[in-house]
Protein backbone atom coordinates (compact mmCIF):
# COMPACT_ATOMS: atom_id res chain seq x y z
CA MET A 1 -13.21 -20.60 -24.37
CA THR A 2 -14.40 -21.87 -21.25
CA THR A 3 -15.09 -19.57 -18.20
CA LYS A 4 -12.02 -20.24 -16.32
CA ARG A 5 -10.19 -19.41 -19.42
CA ALA A 6 -11.93 -16.45 -20.09
CA ALA A 7 -10.97 -15.27 -16.94
CA GLU A 8 -7.77 -16.27 -16.99
CA SER A 9 -7.63 -14.40 -19.81
CA LEU A 10 -8.67 -11.01 -18.19
CA GLN A 11 -6.00 -11.19 -15.08
CA PRO A 12 -4.09 -7.85 -15.11
CA LEU A 13 -0.07 -8.56 -16.37
CA ALA A 14 2.54 -8.46 -13.55
CA PRO A 15 3.49 -4.63 -12.94
CA THR A 16 6.42 -3.16 -14.73
CA GLY A 17 6.07 0.12 -13.42
CA PRO A 18 7.41 2.26 -10.50
CA MET A 19 8.42 -0.25 -7.32
CA PRO A 20 5.84 0.52 -4.50
CA GLY A 21 8.74 1.31 -2.45
CA SER A 22 9.37 4.59 -4.97
CA VAL A 23 5.69 5.75 -4.62
CA ALA A 24 5.25 5.61 -0.69
CA ALA A 25 8.86 7.45 -0.69
CA LEU A 26 7.10 10.26 -2.32
CA ALA A 27 3.80 10.07 -0.67
CA LEU A 28 5.87 11.07 2.69
CA LEU A 29 6.66 14.71 0.78
CA ASP A 30 3.04 15.48 0.85
CA GLU A 31 2.53 16.31 4.52
CA PRO A 32 3.58 19.98 4.52
CA THR A 33 5.73 20.42 7.68
CA ARG A 34 7.35 17.25 6.37
CA ARG A 35 8.17 18.45 3.08
CA ARG A 36 9.69 21.56 4.82
CA LEU A 37 11.82 19.59 6.55
CA TYR A 38 13.39 17.54 3.77
CA ASP A 39 14.04 20.85 2.07
CA PHE A 40 15.73 22.25 5.19
CA VAL A 41 18.30 18.72 5.06
CA ALA A 42 18.50 18.50 1.80
CA ALA A 43 19.94 22.02 1.44
CA SER A 44 21.86 21.71 4.09
CA ASP A 45 25.73 20.98 4.01
CA HIS A 46 26.14 19.52 6.97
CA GLU A 47 24.36 16.58 9.07
CA VAL A 48 21.52 17.93 11.05
CA GLY A 49 19.85 16.96 14.25
CA ARG A 50 16.27 17.31 15.19
CA ASP A 51 17.25 20.45 17.48
CA GLU A 52 18.66 22.25 14.96
CA THR A 53 15.84 21.21 12.54
CA ALA A 54 13.01 22.22 15.26
CA GLY A 55 14.71 25.80 15.37
CA GLU A 56 14.68 25.83 11.69
CA LEU A 57 10.95 25.24 10.84
CA ALA A 58 9.71 26.62 14.49
CA ILE A 59 8.28 23.25 15.94
CA SER A 60 8.53 21.11 18.32
CA ARG A 61 11.58 18.67 19.07
CA GLU A 62 9.31 15.64 19.25
CA LEU A 63 7.71 16.67 15.93
CA ALA A 64 10.79 17.19 14.15
CA SER A 65 12.09 13.91 15.33
CA PHE A 66 8.87 12.14 14.48
CA HIS A 67 9.15 13.58 10.81
CA LEU A 68 12.87 12.97 10.55
CA ASP A 69 12.35 9.39 11.07
CA ARG A 70 9.76 9.13 9.02
CA LEU A 71 11.81 10.42 6.30
CA ALA A 72 14.63 7.72 7.20
CA ALA A 73 12.50 5.07 7.06
CA GLY A 74 11.03 5.56 3.66
CA GLY A 75 14.65 6.11 2.39
CA LEU A 76 14.78 9.63 1.81
CA LEU A 77 17.24 10.82 4.74
CA GLN A 78 20.12 8.58 6.06
CA THR A 79 21.14 8.78 9.71
CA SER A 80 24.23 8.70 11.79
CA TYR A 81 25.06 9.12 15.26
CA ARG A 82 27.95 11.72 16.55
CA ARG A 83 28.61 13.28 19.85
CA LEU A 84 28.22 16.90 18.62
CA SER A 85 30.45 18.61 21.83
CA GLY A 86 33.30 16.90 20.69
CA ARG A 87 33.57 15.16 24.12
CA THR A 88 34.28 11.64 24.73
CA GLY A 89 34.38 9.11 27.62
CA PRO A 90 32.33 9.03 30.74
CA GLY A 91 30.15 12.21 31.13
CA ALA A 92 30.21 13.16 27.76
CA GLY A 93 26.34 12.23 26.88
CA ARG A 94 24.79 9.96 24.33
CA PRO A 95 25.42 10.30 20.79
CA ALA A 96 23.46 12.77 18.75
CA LYS A 97 21.00 11.20 15.75
CA LEU A 98 21.68 13.40 13.00
CA TYR A 99 20.60 13.31 9.18
CA THR A 100 21.42 13.55 5.88
CA ARG A 101 19.40 13.64 2.40
CA ALA A 102 19.61 9.80 1.38
CA ASP A 103 22.15 9.09 -1.54
CA ARG A 104 19.12 6.67 -3.31
CA GLU A 105 17.50 8.01 -6.35
CA ILE A 106 13.95 8.32 -6.56
CA SER A 107 12.03 8.38 -9.87
CA VAL A 108 8.39 8.20 -10.44
CA SER A 109 6.32 7.70 -14.11
CA LEU A 110 3.09 6.59 -14.94
CA PRO A 111 3.15 5.27 -17.62
CA MET A 112 6.40 4.21 -17.11
CA ARG A 113 9.50 5.94 -18.79
CA ARG A 114 13.22 5.35 -19.28
CA TYR A 115 14.81 8.71 -20.23
CA ASP A 116 18.23 7.70 -18.85
CA ALA A 117 18.12 4.64 -21.04
CA VAL A 118 17.64 6.25 -24.11
CA ALA A 119 20.32 9.20 -23.05
CA ASP A 120 22.66 6.48 -22.35
CA VAL A 121 22.34 4.94 -25.72
CA PHE A 122 22.54 8.35 -27.03
CA ALA A 123 25.64 9.24 -25.40
CA LYS A 124 27.15 5.75 -26.80
CA GLY A 125 26.49 7.27 -30.01
CA LEU A 126 28.42 9.97 -29.88
CA GLU A 127 31.21 8.54 -28.39
CA LYS A 128 31.23 6.09 -31.44
CA LEU A 129 31.15 8.95 -33.63
CA ALA A 130 33.65 10.80 -32.54
CA GLU A 131 35.91 8.30 -32.63
CA GLU A 132 34.94 8.71 -36.60
CA VAL A 133 35.05 12.02 -37.12
CA GLY A 134 36.33 13.57 -34.49
CA GLN A 135 35.91 14.70 -30.74
CA GLU A 136 36.19 18.41 -31.80
CA THR A 137 33.56 17.92 -34.15
CA VAL A 138 30.91 16.30 -32.04
CA ALA A 139 31.67 17.78 -29.18
CA GLY A 140 31.03 21.14 -31.22
CA ALA A 141 27.56 20.50 -31.94
CA VAL A 142 26.95 19.14 -28.75
CA SER A 143 28.08 22.58 -27.31
CA ARG A 144 26.09 24.32 -29.58
CA ALA A 145 22.90 22.74 -28.99
CA ALA A 146 23.34 22.90 -25.20
CA ARG A 147 23.70 26.74 -25.26
CA ASP A 148 21.11 27.35 -27.05
CA ALA A 149 19.26 25.10 -24.65
CA GLY A 150 20.23 27.05 -21.80
CA ARG A 151 19.36 30.45 -23.43
CA LYS A 152 16.21 29.52 -24.45
CA PHE A 153 15.43 27.80 -20.70
CA ALA A 154 17.06 31.22 -18.95
CA ALA A 155 14.77 33.10 -21.31
CA GLY A 156 11.45 31.14 -20.29
CA ILE A 157 12.28 31.83 -16.08
CA ARG A 158 13.39 35.39 -17.22
CA GLU A 159 9.96 36.64 -19.30
CA GLY A 160 8.12 34.80 -15.70
CA ALA A 161 9.64 37.84 -13.25
CA THR A 162 8.13 40.63 -12.44
CA GLY A 163 9.87 43.66 -13.22
CA ARG A 164 11.29 45.03 -9.77
CA ARG A 165 12.92 41.48 -9.35
CA ARG A 166 14.14 41.24 -13.50
CA GLY A 167 16.84 43.87 -12.43
CA ARG A 168 18.64 41.40 -9.73
CA ARG A 169 20.58 39.48 -12.58
CA ARG A 170 22.59 37.32 -9.75
CA GLN A 171 19.39 36.35 -8.03
CA GLN A 172 17.51 35.35 -11.41
CA LEU A 173 20.46 33.41 -12.38
CA VAL A 174 20.25 31.52 -9.04
CA GLU A 175 16.53 30.78 -9.68
CA THR A 176 16.84 30.08 -13.06
CA LEU A 177 19.36 27.17 -11.78
CA SER A 178 17.05 26.21 -8.97
CA ALA A 179 14.32 25.76 -11.51
CA GLY A 180 16.64 23.60 -13.67
CA GLY A 181 17.20 21.17 -10.56
CA PHE A 182 20.42 22.15 -9.85
CA GLU A 183 20.12 23.36 -6.27
CA PRO A 184 22.37 26.41 -6.34
CA ALA A 185 24.30 27.82 -2.93
CA VAL A 186 26.20 31.06 -2.99
CA ASP A 187 29.62 31.09 -0.82
CA THR A 188 28.62 34.46 1.01
CA SER A 189 32.79 35.12 0.87
CA SER A 190 33.86 34.38 -2.32
CA GLY A 191 30.72 35.19 -4.35
CA VAL A 192 31.00 31.66 -6.01
CA VAL A 193 28.09 29.96 -6.61
CA THR A 194 28.17 25.99 -6.35
CA LEU A 195 25.31 23.24 -7.68
CA GLY A 196 24.84 20.66 -5.21
CA ASN A 197 23.17 18.35 -7.79
CA CYS A 198 23.69 17.24 -11.10
CA PRO A 199 20.33 16.50 -12.82
CA TYR A 200 22.29 14.05 -15.50
CA ARG A 201 24.09 12.44 -12.59
CA THR A 202 23.11 8.56 -14.37
CA VAL A 203 24.34 9.38 -17.65
CA ALA A 204 27.38 11.45 -16.14
CA ASP A 205 28.61 8.68 -14.20
CA ASP A 206 29.35 6.80 -17.17
CA HIS A 207 29.91 9.60 -20.13
CA ARG A 208 31.62 12.25 -18.16
CA ALA A 209 33.10 13.82 -20.72
CA PHE A 210 30.13 14.60 -22.67
CA THR A 211 27.82 15.46 -20.22
CA CYS A 212 29.64 17.79 -18.34
CA GLY A 213 30.67 19.75 -21.79
CA MET A 214 27.41 19.95 -22.68
CA ASN A 215 26.63 21.13 -19.07
CA LEU A 216 28.97 23.90 -19.18
CA ALA A 217 27.71 24.87 -22.20
CA TRP A 218 24.03 25.14 -21.20
CA ALA A 219 25.26 27.15 -18.34
CA GLU A 220 27.31 29.38 -20.58
CA GLY A 221 23.94 29.65 -22.67
CA VAL A 222 21.64 30.64 -19.43
CA THR A 223 24.64 33.32 -18.49
CA GLU A 224 24.38 34.76 -22.11
CA VAL A 225 20.60 35.68 -20.92
CA VAL A 226 21.70 36.73 -17.69
CA ALA A 227 24.28 38.96 -18.93
CA GLU A 228 24.40 40.98 -15.58
CA ALA A 229 25.21 38.56 -12.96
CA GLY A 230 28.89 38.88 -12.91
CA LEU A 231 29.28 35.48 -12.78
CA THR A 232 30.77 33.31 -15.64
CA PRO A 233 30.74 29.33 -15.21
CA VAL A 234 34.09 27.17 -15.50
CA LEU A 235 34.35 23.12 -14.78
CA ASP A 236 35.34 22.57 -11.55
CA PRO A 237 34.21 18.71 -10.54
CA GLN A 238 34.00 18.07 -6.99
CA PRO A 239 32.70 14.89 -4.95
CA GLY A 240 29.70 15.35 -4.05
CA ARG A 241 28.27 18.49 -6.64
CA CYS A 242 27.83 19.01 -10.01
CA CYS A 243 31.01 19.63 -12.32
CA VAL A 244 29.82 23.36 -13.05
CA VAL A 245 30.80 26.32 -10.45
CA PHE A 246 29.82 30.22 -11.24
CA SER A 247 32.90 32.31 -10.52
CA PRO A 248 32.85 36.29 -10.02
CA ASP A 249 33.62 37.69 -13.23
CA SER A 250 37.28 39.70 -11.96
C-alpha cells in the first residue's frame, strides 16, 4: 500500500451521531442561571416575557433578555410578540417579546442509540399480533407489564425519600411523576394533576392506543405504591399534554 493510500485508509468516517446543533443547544443549559430560566419558561402554562422572568429569578431585565434570546437562538425557546396591555392603536406601546418552550425535541446519545426506532417496530409488531389473537389479549399483556414497571419505579423513588417526606403521599406522587419526565402540575382549585410532557410522544403519535393504554397502566402501578395519595389516574387526552391525568378520589 502506498503512503497516500495508507493515509486515506486512516481518514475518519463521516459522522453519523447527533447533529452538532443538538450538542450546542444542550450546551446552552450548562450555565446555571440560563438553566433555571429555561426550567421556568418550560414549566409556565403561558407565554412569559423578560419582566416576569427577571422577577421570578431575581435578576436584571437585561440579563433575563440576554439568556432568553440565547435560548431562542439555540432552538430551545420560540418567540412571539403581543401587547400585554391588550390595547391597540397609537399610544398602545410596542408589543412585548414573549417566550415559550420550543416544540423541537433534542436528543443526544454517544454512541448513537435509536430507541425510538426499535419502539416503533415493537409497537407495529404488537398491532399485527393483536389482529391475529385479539386486541384484548395483547393489550392486557402490555398493561400487566406496564403496571409492574410503574410499581417498581415508584418503589425506587419511595425508597430514596426521607422519613418526613415519606408520609406526604400526594407530594411523593408528584415527585415520582417528575422523576419520570412527565412534568406534573397541580390545579390548586380542583386538585387534578395534569402531565405537561409525554415521554413517549414519538411512539404515541403513530401508536396511540397501545401507548396510552400502557401509560395508564404504568400510572396505576405507581398509585398502587403511593396508595394514600388520594388520586386516581384516568385517560383524558388533550392537545399539548400527556393523555393521563390524576383526579382526586371521590
